[in-house]
Structure formats: C-alpha cells, structure tokens
C-alpha cells in the first residue's frame, strides 16, 4: 500500500521522470538510510486496483516501475509507484521514494522531530512509572512486605557467603602461621 504525502512545491511526477533525473530513496527502520540515485528508466505505465482507506472496493491507480542506479553502483527496481505523485511510501518494502529533494527534506525533518519529542518524554515516563509503583505499593501493602522480606533474605544470604569466605581466609592464614612456627598438623596430633 502507498501513502500519499502532502505536496509542498510543484515537482516531477513519477510518470514524467526521465533518465538521469535524481531519485531519493529513504530506507526506514531503526537506522534509516538515504540513497540518492539517477533514474535509468521509467516504464510500464498501467492501471492496478488497490485498497484505499475508507473505500469498500479496490480503486484504480495508475502506476509505473522505476529503475534507478544508486550511489553504490547497484541498480534498483521500484515497482508500482503511483504515476501521478512525486513522493510515495512503499510500505511493503519499508522505503519512501521521491523525485523531490524538498519533499525528502520535509519527511526527514518530520522523522527527526518525532524522535526528539519521544526523547523529551522519557523523563515524564520515568516519573510516571515511579508514581505507579508508589500507588501499587499503597494499594497492596502485602506485596511490599513480601518484597521487603525477599530483600532481607537476599541480604542475609550475601552476609553468610561473605562470612564463609572470611572463615576460609582465616583458616588458610592460620595454617600458614602454624607452618611458619613449625606446628604442622602432624605435631599437634602426636602431642596429645
């Protein structure tokens, strides 16, 4: 499915692209990448039927296939681009294609602004989670008591492990001292 994006200026529609026209391809995702390429061919103007929002039946849409050479030298074929648009989302492949540098600038700035807004909201959500935890604790004191008991048990286990390590260290030290003074374990048994 393709999503029509707003027009800012009059540019070349996909059906009017010619060889060597610039084409911008934005790969969406967690790490978006913009490729700039040159049109090799625009071909196969045809009508296809696509489902569009708020319509009961598929609607006819004129589309073209675009072959472009991108910056790394590869040739890319982009199929079924709406012929009468200059920018369109190819949701199936997760890319945005445009013949307009201005339209691509607008799209990238919009994506950037959305991410900045999300980052600004992080502190709000941290405080919100903390408040929810406090409210849940107030509503469920038995859960708080159980969590406190589990924490105390873990602390006691940690202290016991530390004491065990200290005892082992003392035993080793004691053995070393006895050997230094010539009081090995054999001599202590024979004196009894």
Protein backbone atom coordinates (compact mmCIF):
# COMPACT_ATOMS: atom_id res chain seq x y z
CA UNK A 1 0.00 0.00 0.00
CA UNK A 2 1.14 3.51 -0.72
CA UNK A 3 0.51 6.53 1.43
CA UNK A 4 0.19 9.89 -0.27
CA UNK A 5 2.25 12.56 1.38
CA UNK A 6 1.50 16.31 1.24
CA UNK A 7 2.88 18.42 -1.62
CA UNK A 8 4.99 21.49 -0.86
CA UNK A 9 6.04 22.51 -4.36
CA UNK A 10 5.46 21.55 -7.97
CA UNK A 11 7.93 18.81 -8.91
CA UNK A 12 8.23 15.98 -11.40
CA UNK A 13 5.68 13.18 -11.02
CA UNK A 14 6.99 9.62 -11.22
CA UNK A 15 5.45 9.08 -14.67
CA UNK A 16 7.35 12.14 -16.03
CA UNK A 17 10.77 11.12 -14.76
CA UNK A 18 13.46 10.80 -17.43
CA UNK A 19 16.90 9.14 -17.47
CA UNK A 20 19.42 10.91 -15.21
CA UNK A 21 16.71 12.64 -13.11
CA UNK A 22 17.62 12.42 -9.41
CA UNK A 23 15.66 9.97 -7.26
CA UNK A 24 15.78 9.82 -3.45
CA UNK A 25 15.18 6.53 -1.63
CA UNK A 26 14.77 6.58 2.16
CA UNK A 27 15.09 3.17 3.83
CA UNK A 28 13.05 3.36 7.02
CA UNK A 29 13.72 1.48 10.22
CA UNK A 30 15.75 1.85 13.39
CA UNK A 31 18.76 3.04 11.38
CA UNK A 32 17.34 4.94 8.38
CA UNK A 33 19.49 5.39 5.28
CA UNK A 34 19.04 7.81 2.39
CA UNK A 35 20.22 6.77 -1.05
CA UNK A 36 20.44 9.21 -3.94
CA UNK A 37 20.29 7.75 -7.38
CA UNK A 38 19.77 8.52 -11.02
CA UNK A 39 16.77 7.28 -12.98
CA UNK A 40 17.70 4.73 -15.64
CA UNK A 41 14.18 4.09 -16.97
CA UNK A 42 10.52 4.64 -16.11
CA UNK A 43 8.34 2.03 -17.74
CA UNK A 44 5.19 0.01 -17.75
CA UNK A 45 2.51 2.65 -17.12
CA UNK A 46 -0.53 0.60 -16.15
CA UNK A 47 -3.64 0.60 -14.00
CA UNK A 48 -3.82 -1.59 -10.90
CA UNK A 49 -6.56 -1.87 -8.30
CA UNK A 50 -5.53 -1.06 -4.75
CA UNK A 51 -7.39 -0.96 -1.47
CA UNK A 52 -7.52 2.55 -0.11
CA UNK A 53 -8.69 3.77 3.30
CA UNK A 54 -12.41 4.48 3.67
CA UNK A 55 -13.41 2.68 0.47
CA UNK A 56 -15.31 -0.54 0.19
CA UNK A 57 -13.79 -1.74 -3.06
CA UNK A 58 -10.28 -1.50 -4.56
CA UNK A 59 -9.77 1.69 -6.55
CA UNK A 60 -7.93 2.01 -9.89
CA UNK A 61 -4.48 3.60 -9.60
CA UNK A 62 -2.03 4.28 -12.43
CA UNK A 63 1.45 3.04 -11.55
CA UNK A 64 4.91 2.86 -13.09
CA UNK A 65 8.05 0.84 -12.49
CA UNK A 66 11.25 2.82 -11.94
CA UNK A 67 14.77 1.51 -12.47
CA UNK A 68 17.45 3.63 -10.79
CA UNK A 69 21.19 3.47 -10.33
CA UNK A 70 22.06 4.28 -6.71
CA UNK A 71 25.25 5.74 -5.26
CA UNK A 72 26.99 2.40 -4.61
CA UNK A 73 26.59 1.44 -8.30
CA UNK A 74 23.74 -1.03 -7.80
CA UNK A 75 20.62 -0.92 -9.94
CA UNK A 76 17.34 -0.86 -8.04
CA UNK A 77 13.88 -1.60 -9.47
CA UNK A 78 10.98 0.02 -7.65
CA UNK A 79 7.64 -1.36 -8.77
CA UNK A 80 4.13 0.04 -8.77
CA UNK A 81 4.87 3.63 -7.81
CA UNK A 82 1.80 5.90 -8.22
CA UNK A 83 2.33 7.62 -11.57
CA UNK A 84 0.74 10.93 -10.56
CA UNK A 85 2.78 11.50 -7.38
CA UNK A 86 6.31 12.77 -6.78
CA UNK A 87 6.69 11.10 -3.36
CA UNK A 88 5.21 7.85 -2.09
CA UNK A 89 5.69 5.29 0.65
CA UNK A 90 6.29 1.71 -0.40
CA UNK A 91 5.08 0.17 2.86
CA UNK A 92 5.73 -3.36 1.59
CA UNK A 93 9.48 -2.68 1.24
CA UNK A 94 9.77 -0.11 4.03
CA UNK A 95 11.03 2.66 1.77
CA UNK A 96 9.98 6.17 0.80
CA UNK A 97 10.73 7.22 -2.75
CA UNK A 98 10.74 10.79 -4.03
CA UNK A 99 11.78 12.74 -7.06
CA UNK A 100 11.80 15.92 -4.95
CA UNK A 101 14.67 16.94 -2.69
CA UNK A 102 12.35 19.35 -0.85
CA UNK A 103 9.78 16.64 -0.12
CA UNK A 104 12.51 14.32 1.18
CA UNK A 105 13.84 17.14 3.41
CA UNK A 106 10.36 17.63 4.87
CA UNK A 107 10.00 13.89 5.53
CA UNK A 108 13.41 13.59 7.22
CA UNK A 109 12.79 16.69 9.35
CA UNK A 110 9.42 15.24 10.41
CA UNK A 111 11.05 11.94 11.42
CA UNK A 112 13.72 13.83 13.37
CA UNK A 113 11.12 15.95 15.17
CA UNK A 114 9.13 12.85 16.19
CA UNK A 115 12.25 11.25 17.68
CA UNK A 116 13.16 14.44 19.54
CA UNK A 117 9.64 14.57 21.03
CA UNK A 118 9.95 10.96 22.17
CA UNK A 119 13.30 11.67 23.82
CA UNK A 120 11.84 14.68 25.61
CA UNK A 121 9.09 12.49 27.03
CA UNK A 122 11.48 9.95 28.62
CA UNK A 123 11.76 11.80 31.95
CA UNK A 124 7.98 12.17 32.11
CA UNK A 125 7.51 8.42 31.66
CA UNK A 126 10.19 7.59 34.27
CA UNK A 127 8.34 9.75 36.81
CA UNK A 128 5.04 8.23 35.71
CA UNK A 129 6.33 4.68 36.31
CA UNK A 130 7.66 5.67 39.72
CA UNK A 131 4.28 7.14 40.66
CA UNK A 132 2.51 3.97 39.52
CA UNK A 133 4.85 1.85 41.66
CA UNK A 134 4.10 4.02 44.70
CA UNK A 135 0.35 3.79 44.13
CA UNK A 136 0.53 0.00 43.72
CA UNK A 137 2.52 -0.26 46.95
CA UNK A 138 -0.06 1.85 48.77
CA UNK A 139 -2.88 -0.36 47.45
CA UNK A 140 -1.07 -3.64 48.11
CA UNK A 141 0.91 -3.48 51.38
CA UNK A 142 1.26 -7.29 51.43
CA UNK A 143 3.26 -7.12 48.21
CA UNK A 144 5.55 -4.51 49.75
CA UNK A 145 6.01 -6.67 52.85
CA UNK A 146 6.87 -9.70 50.71
CA UNK A 147 9.34 -7.69 48.61
CA UNK A 148 10.97 -6.38 51.81
CA UNK A 149 11.21 -9.91 53.21
CA UNK A 150 12.79 -11.20 49.98
CA UNK A 151 15.30 -8.33 50.06
CA UNK A 152 16.20 -9.15 53.67
CA UNK A 153 16.66 -12.84 52.81
CA UNK A 154 18.97 -11.92 49.92
CA UNK A 155 20.94 -9.61 52.21
CA UNK A 156 21.31 -12.38 54.82
CA UNK A 157 22.47 -14.85 52.16
CA UNK A 158 25.01 -12.33 50.96
CA UNK A 159 26.28 -11.79 54.51
CA UNK A 160 26.53 -15.56 55.11
CA UNK A 161 28.52 -16.01 51.91
CA UNK A 162 30.88 -13.21 52.96
CA UNK A 163 31.32 -14.79 56.42
CA UNK A 164 32.07 -18.15 54.81
CA UNK A 165 34.75 -16.58 52.60
CA UNK A 166 36.24 -14.81 55.63
CA UNK A 167 36.34 -18.09 57.61
CA UNK A 168 38.10 -19.84 54.74
CA UNK A 169 40.62 -17.00 54.54
CA UNK A 170 41.23 -17.23 58.32
CA UNK A 171 41.75 -20.99 58.12
CA UNK A 172 44.30 -20.53 55.33
CA UNK A 173 46.07 -17.82 57.27
CA UNK A 174 46.08 -19.95 60.42
CA UNK A 175 47.58 -22.88 58.52
CA UNK A 176 50.32 -20.65 57.09
CA UNK A 177 51.18 -19.32 60.57
CA UNK A 178 51.34 -22.82 62.02
CA UNK A 179 53.70 -23.91 59.24
CA UNK A 180 55.91 -20.87 59.85
CA UNK A 181 56.26 -21.79 63.54
CA UNK A 182 56.77 -25.47 62.73
CA UNK A 183 53.50 -26.51 64.24
CA UNK A 184 52.08 -28.60 61.41
CA UNK A 185 49.02 -30.70 61.85
CA UNK A 186 51.19 -33.80 62.43
CA UNK A 187 52.87 -32.36 65.55
CA UNK A 188 49.64 -31.29 67.15
CA UNK A 189 48.28 -34.85 66.88
CA UNK A 190 51.31 -36.53 68.37
CA UNK A 191 51.42 -34.27 71.43
CA UNK A 192 48.01 -35.44 72.55
